[in-house]
Protein backbone atom coordinates (compact mmCIF):
# COMPACT_ATOMS: atom_id res chain seq x y z
CA MET A 1 0.09 -0.02 -0.07
CA ARG A 2 1.25 3.50 -0.90
CA VAL A 3 0.46 6.46 1.22
CA LEU A 4 0.97 9.91 -0.27
CA ASP A 5 0.73 12.63 2.40
CA ILE A 6 0.33 15.85 0.28
CA HIS A 7 2.38 18.77 1.44
CA HIS A 8 1.60 22.08 -0.33
CA PRO A 9 0.97 25.65 0.91
CA LEU A 10 -2.44 25.79 -0.39
CA VAL A 11 -3.30 22.21 1.04
CA ASP A 12 -1.93 23.34 4.37
CA HIS A 13 -3.84 26.74 4.38
CA LYS A 14 -7.19 25.23 3.39
CA LEU A 15 -6.84 22.37 5.85
CA THR A 16 -6.08 24.74 8.65
CA VAL A 17 -9.34 26.63 7.99
CA LEU A 18 -11.19 23.36 7.82
CA ARG A 19 -9.92 22.37 11.23
CA ASP A 20 -11.06 25.65 12.76
CA ARG A 21 -14.28 24.92 14.80
CA HIS A 22 -15.54 28.38 13.94
CA THR A 23 -15.62 27.85 10.27
CA PRO A 24 -19.24 27.80 9.07
CA SER A 25 -20.61 24.98 6.89
CA ALA A 26 -20.84 26.95 3.72
CA VAL A 27 -17.05 27.96 3.90
CA PHE A 28 -16.25 24.39 5.08
CA ARG A 29 -17.96 22.85 2.04
CA ARG A 30 -16.19 25.28 -0.39
CA LEU A 31 -12.80 24.64 0.89
CA ALA A 32 -13.27 20.89 1.34
CA ASP A 33 -14.30 20.94 -2.47
CA GLU A 34 -11.07 22.96 -3.32
CA LEU A 35 -8.86 20.86 -1.30
CA VAL A 36 -10.04 17.66 -2.84
CA THR A 37 -9.35 19.21 -6.21
CA LEU A 38 -5.74 19.55 -5.16
CA LEU A 39 -5.69 16.03 -3.75
CA ALA A 40 -7.15 14.86 -6.98
CA TYR A 41 -4.23 16.11 -8.94
CA GLU A 42 -1.86 13.75 -7.07
CA ALA A 43 -4.50 10.86 -6.94
CA THR A 44 -4.86 10.73 -10.69
CA ARG A 45 -1.09 11.04 -11.37
CA HIS A 46 -1.18 7.34 -12.88
CA VAL A 47 -4.46 7.35 -14.40
CA GLU A 48 -4.29 5.18 -17.48
CA VAL A 49 -4.01 7.03 -20.78
CA ALA A 50 -3.39 6.04 -24.37
CA ASP A 51 -1.75 7.85 -27.38
CA VAL A 52 -4.17 9.39 -29.82
CA GLU A 53 -3.69 11.31 -33.06
CA ILE A 54 -5.28 14.67 -33.23
CA GLU A 55 -5.29 17.72 -35.73
CA THR A 56 -4.31 21.07 -34.22
CA PRO A 57 -5.01 24.36 -36.19
CA VAL A 58 -1.50 24.18 -37.30
CA THR A 59 -0.63 20.46 -37.93
CA SER A 60 -1.11 16.88 -36.86
CA THR A 61 0.27 15.50 -33.57
CA VAL A 62 0.02 12.77 -31.02
CA GLY A 63 -1.59 13.46 -27.55
CA ARG A 64 -2.80 11.31 -24.79
CA LYS A 65 -6.41 10.78 -23.63
CA LEU A 66 -7.97 8.74 -20.80
CA THR A 67 -8.43 4.94 -21.77
CA LYS A 68 -11.59 2.99 -21.66
CA PRO A 69 -13.07 1.64 -19.36
CA ARG A 70 -13.47 5.03 -17.81
CA PRO A 71 -12.40 5.59 -14.13
CA MET A 72 -14.99 5.09 -11.40
CA VAL A 73 -15.30 7.46 -8.58
CA VAL A 74 -17.07 6.19 -5.52
CA PRO A 75 -18.06 8.67 -2.65
CA ILE A 76 -18.92 6.95 0.46
CA LEU A 77 -22.43 8.23 1.64
CA ARG A 78 -22.90 10.60 3.21
CA ALA A 79 -19.73 12.63 3.92
CA GLY A 80 -18.09 11.43 0.77
CA LEU A 81 -20.63 13.49 -1.25
CA GLY A 82 -18.90 16.53 -0.11
CA MET A 83 -15.78 15.45 -2.02
CA LEU A 84 -17.46 14.49 -5.38
CA ASP A 85 -17.49 17.75 -7.18
CA GLY A 86 -13.84 18.44 -6.36
CA MET A 87 -12.81 15.02 -7.67
CA THR A 88 -14.98 15.00 -10.94
CA ARG A 89 -13.74 18.53 -11.56
CA LEU A 90 -10.49 16.77 -12.73
CA LEU A 91 -12.13 13.58 -13.92
CA PRO A 92 -15.25 14.94 -15.82
CA THR A 93 -15.57 11.80 -17.94
CA ALA A 94 -15.50 9.46 -14.91
CA GLU A 95 -18.48 7.35 -14.01
CA VAL A 96 -19.70 7.82 -10.48
CA GLY A 97 -21.03 4.96 -8.24
CA PHE A 98 -22.20 5.17 -4.59
CA LEU A 99 -21.67 3.08 -1.57
CA GLY A 100 -23.64 3.81 1.67
CA MET A 101 -21.98 2.51 4.76
CA VAL A 102 -22.65 2.97 8.36
CA ARG A 103 -20.44 2.13 11.42
CA ASN A 104 -21.38 0.83 14.62
CA ASP A 105 -19.72 3.27 17.08
CA GLU A 106 -19.57 0.50 19.71
CA THR A 107 -18.59 -2.54 17.83
CA LEU A 108 -16.91 -0.66 14.98
CA GLU A 109 -18.69 -3.08 12.46
CA VAL A 110 -19.48 -1.64 9.21
CA THR A 111 -22.63 -2.54 7.23
CA THR A 112 -23.61 -1.54 3.59
CA TYR A 113 -27.11 0.06 3.18
CA ALA A 114 -26.81 1.22 -0.32
CA ASN A 115 -24.97 0.25 -3.48
CA ARG A 116 -25.07 1.90 -6.99
CA LEU A 117 -22.19 0.37 -8.63
CA PRO A 118 -21.64 -2.02 -11.61
CA ASP A 119 -21.44 -5.71 -10.79
CA ASP A 120 -18.26 -6.01 -12.77
CA LEU A 121 -15.39 -3.59 -11.95
CA THR A 122 -12.66 -5.60 -13.78
CA ASP A 123 -9.88 -3.40 -15.20
CA ARG A 124 -11.60 -0.16 -13.66
CA GLN A 125 -9.49 2.20 -11.84
CA CYS A 126 -11.62 3.15 -8.70
CA PHE A 127 -11.21 6.35 -6.65
CA VAL A 128 -12.84 6.11 -3.33
CA LEU A 129 -13.92 9.29 -1.40
CA ASP A 130 -14.26 9.37 2.35
CA PRO A 131 -13.10 12.42 4.36
CA MET A 132 -11.76 10.71 7.39
CA LEU A 133 -9.55 7.56 7.54
CA ALA A 134 -9.97 6.96 11.49
CA THR A 135 -10.14 3.42 12.47
CA GLY A 136 -10.01 2.28 8.78
CA HIS A 137 -12.98 -0.03 9.11
CA THR A 138 -15.21 1.82 6.61
CA LEU A 139 -12.41 2.04 3.85
CA ILE A 140 -11.57 -1.67 4.53
CA ALA A 141 -15.21 -2.66 3.84
CA SER A 142 -15.33 -0.24 0.89
CA VAL A 143 -12.06 -1.66 -0.63
CA ARG A 144 -13.19 -5.23 -0.17
CA TYR A 145 -16.57 -4.42 -1.74
CA LEU A 146 -14.83 -3.10 -4.77
CA HIS A 147 -12.22 -5.98 -4.99
CA GLU A 148 -15.02 -8.53 -4.86
CA ARG A 149 -16.38 -7.02 -8.10
CA GLY A 150 -12.99 -7.22 -9.84
CA ALA A 151 -11.33 -3.90 -9.05
CA LYS A 152 -7.65 -4.20 -8.31
CA ASP A 153 -6.39 -0.74 -8.83
CA ILE A 154 -7.94 1.31 -5.98
CA THR A 155 -7.10 4.83 -4.68
CA CYS A 156 -8.52 6.27 -1.40
CA VAL A 157 -8.84 10.01 -1.21
CA THR A 158 -9.20 11.42 2.37
CA LEU A 159 -8.81 14.86 3.96
CA LEU A 160 -7.18 13.23 7.05
CA ALA A 161 -5.85 10.01 8.10
CA ALA A 162 -4.84 8.46 11.56
CA PRO A 163 -1.76 6.27 11.74
CA GLU A 164 -3.86 3.46 13.49
CA GLY A 165 -6.27 3.56 10.40
CA LEU A 166 -3.40 3.30 7.88
CA LYS A 167 -2.03 0.40 9.66
CA THR A 168 -5.22 -1.43 9.92
CA LEU A 169 -6.06 -0.90 6.27
CA GLU A 170 -2.77 -2.10 5.07
CA GLU A 171 -2.99 -5.30 7.19
CA ALA A 172 -6.65 -6.03 6.23
CA ILE A 173 -6.42 -5.62 2.42
CA ASP A 174 -5.37 -8.47 0.04
CA PRO A 175 -1.90 -7.77 -1.33
CA SER A 176 -3.20 -8.35 -4.86
CA VAL A 177 -4.94 -5.04 -4.64
CA ASP A 178 -2.88 -2.11 -5.92
CA LEU A 179 -4.06 0.32 -3.23
CA THR A 180 -3.03 3.87 -2.71
CA VAL A 181 -4.14 6.32 -0.04
CA VAL A 182 -3.94 10.05 -0.85
CA THR A 183 -4.40 12.42 2.13
CA ALA A 184 -3.96 16.10 3.16
CA ALA A 185 -2.40 15.01 6.51
CA ILE A 186 -1.63 12.20 8.78
CA ASP A 187 -2.68 13.34 12.20
CA GLU A 188 -1.47 12.24 15.69
CA GLY A 189 -3.92 9.41 16.30
CA LEU A 190 -7.33 8.61 17.68
CA ASN A 191 -8.91 9.43 21.00
CA GLU A 192 -11.08 7.20 23.18
CA LYS A 193 -14.06 7.85 20.92
CA SER A 194 -12.18 6.77 17.76
CA TYR A 195 -12.08 10.49 16.48
CA ILE A 196 -8.97 11.75 14.80
CA VAL A 197 -6.81 14.11 16.96
CA PRO A 198 -6.32 17.07 16.35
CA GLY A 199 -8.69 16.28 13.47
CA LEU A 200 -11.59 18.48 12.24
CA GLY A 201 -14.53 16.91 13.90
CA ASP A 202 -17.33 14.85 12.20
CA ALA A 203 -16.81 15.76 8.55
CA GLY A 204 -20.41 14.89 7.61
CA ASP A 205 -21.98 17.05 10.26
CA ARG A 206 -19.57 20.01 9.31
CA LEU A 207 -20.43 19.66 5.53
CA PHE A 208 -24.31 19.00 5.94
CA GLY A 209 -25.34 19.79 9.47
CA VAL A 210 -26.20 17.47 12.50
CA VAL A 211 -28.71 14.72 11.61
CA ASP A 212 -30.74 13.77 14.69
């Protein structure tokens, strides 16, 4: 498993504002969108392309275009929806699937409640969007779900990651999966409630408000 901890002045600036508890939801959503676009640039560095002949206004030349099958972007509901526009801004031709997953805060068990994905993901490059890699259980379940459908090239894009979650993810995923994690920061660790510290709180609540 490869881990890309992106260091860039704009990434650091936007993440700092996101961490601030006083940042309102509207600003949080906009900056999260911008931050994901910056992360997506690195996440797509090895997206598959092929040579193609084109005609410019001056002459003919050979360029490069994304190959088929098109990449698949998979936001994890609901918080991953706040990352979707930022990712598809760089991959406008990608297909979008959805996974709805919920974690039991006591047992940490993850269950799937929604699935809008093709049954066959063979040879598809998949980009999973989930703001927080905390315990790692949600991303483990997501990666396994995609792998069972044939995906072997999977990149997880997160705003923050905890060392414990990264370790658990690496140990749990089949080595045959070409797995990459792209994140804006690797934080100190998890607290007693399995929240990332210093973190930024509950990303879903800060993006969309508290759901009672």
